[in-house]
Amino acid sequence: MNQQALGCAACGRQWEQCGGLAFAGGKCCIPGLTCNKKNDYYHQCECVPISLFWGCQ
């Protein structure tokens, strides 16, 4: 597995946790997703909307 694939493997997929206090896992999301803070203890990977009126790609 190449380095880029290893990096993506450590990053969260959609709806997975990507951060928060005491979270020990990966603090990144795969390309096309962003890590959104829900509260101090839970951050979640979610798709990035292409506009306010459209869904994600």
Protein backbone atom coordinates (compact mmCIF):
# COMPACT_ATOMS: atom_id res chain seq x y z
CA MET A 1 0.00 0.00 0.00
CA ASN A 2 1.46 3.40 -0.93
CA GLN A 3 1.83 6.33 1.50
CA GLN A 4 -1.18 8.20 0.09
CA ALA A 5 -3.41 5.13 0.53
CA LEU A 6 -2.14 4.69 4.08
CA GLY A 7 -2.99 8.32 4.86
CA CYS A 8 -6.54 7.91 3.58
CA ALA A 9 -6.96 4.64 5.47
CA ALA A 10 -6.31 6.51 8.73
CA CYS A 11 -8.84 9.24 7.90
CA GLY A 12 -12.53 8.99 8.70
CA ARG A 13 -15.25 8.13 6.21
CA GLN A 14 -18.63 9.86 6.13
CA TRP A 15 -20.34 9.98 9.55
CA GLU A 16 -17.25 8.64 11.40
CA GLN A 17 -15.68 10.47 14.32
CA CYS A 18 -12.68 12.66 13.44
CA GLY A 19 -11.90 14.47 16.67
CA GLY A 20 -12.97 15.69 20.06
CA LEU A 21 -11.60 15.74 23.58
CA ALA A 22 -10.04 12.40 24.55
CA PHE A 23 -10.51 11.01 21.00
CA ALA A 24 -7.44 8.95 20.11
CA GLY A 25 -8.28 8.11 16.48
CA GLY A 26 -7.46 9.87 13.23
CA LYS A 27 -8.26 13.57 13.16
CA CYS A 28 -8.85 13.83 9.42
CA CYS A 29 -11.47 12.88 6.86
CA ILE A 30 -11.10 11.35 3.41
CA PRO A 31 -11.09 13.81 0.47
CA GLY A 32 -14.49 15.39 -0.17
CA LEU A 33 -15.42 15.38 3.52
CA THR A 34 -14.79 17.90 6.28
CA CYS A 35 -14.48 17.40 10.02
CA ASN A 36 -17.34 19.28 11.73
CA LYS A 37 -17.38 19.93 15.47
CA LYS A 38 -20.64 18.74 17.02
CA ASN A 39 -19.54 19.42 20.61
CA ASP A 40 -16.26 19.45 22.54
CA TYR A 41 -16.20 15.64 22.65
CA TYR A 42 -17.41 14.69 19.18
CA HIS A 43 -16.37 15.86 15.72
CA GLN A 44 -17.83 14.07 12.67
CA CYS A 45 -16.81 13.65 9.02
CA GLU A 46 -19.49 15.07 6.75
CA CYS A 47 -19.70 15.89 3.06
CA VAL A 48 -19.10 19.45 1.95
CA PRO A 49 -22.21 20.93 0.28
CA ILE A 50 -21.48 22.43 -3.12
CA SER A 51 -23.90 25.30 -2.34
CA LEU A 52 -26.55 26.19 0.22
CA PHE A 53 -29.28 24.80 -2.05
CA TRP A 54 -27.64 21.58 -3.26
CA GLY A 55 -26.49 18.42 -1.58
CA CYS A 56 -23.01 17.02 -1.56
CA GLN A 57 -21.21 15.62 -4.55
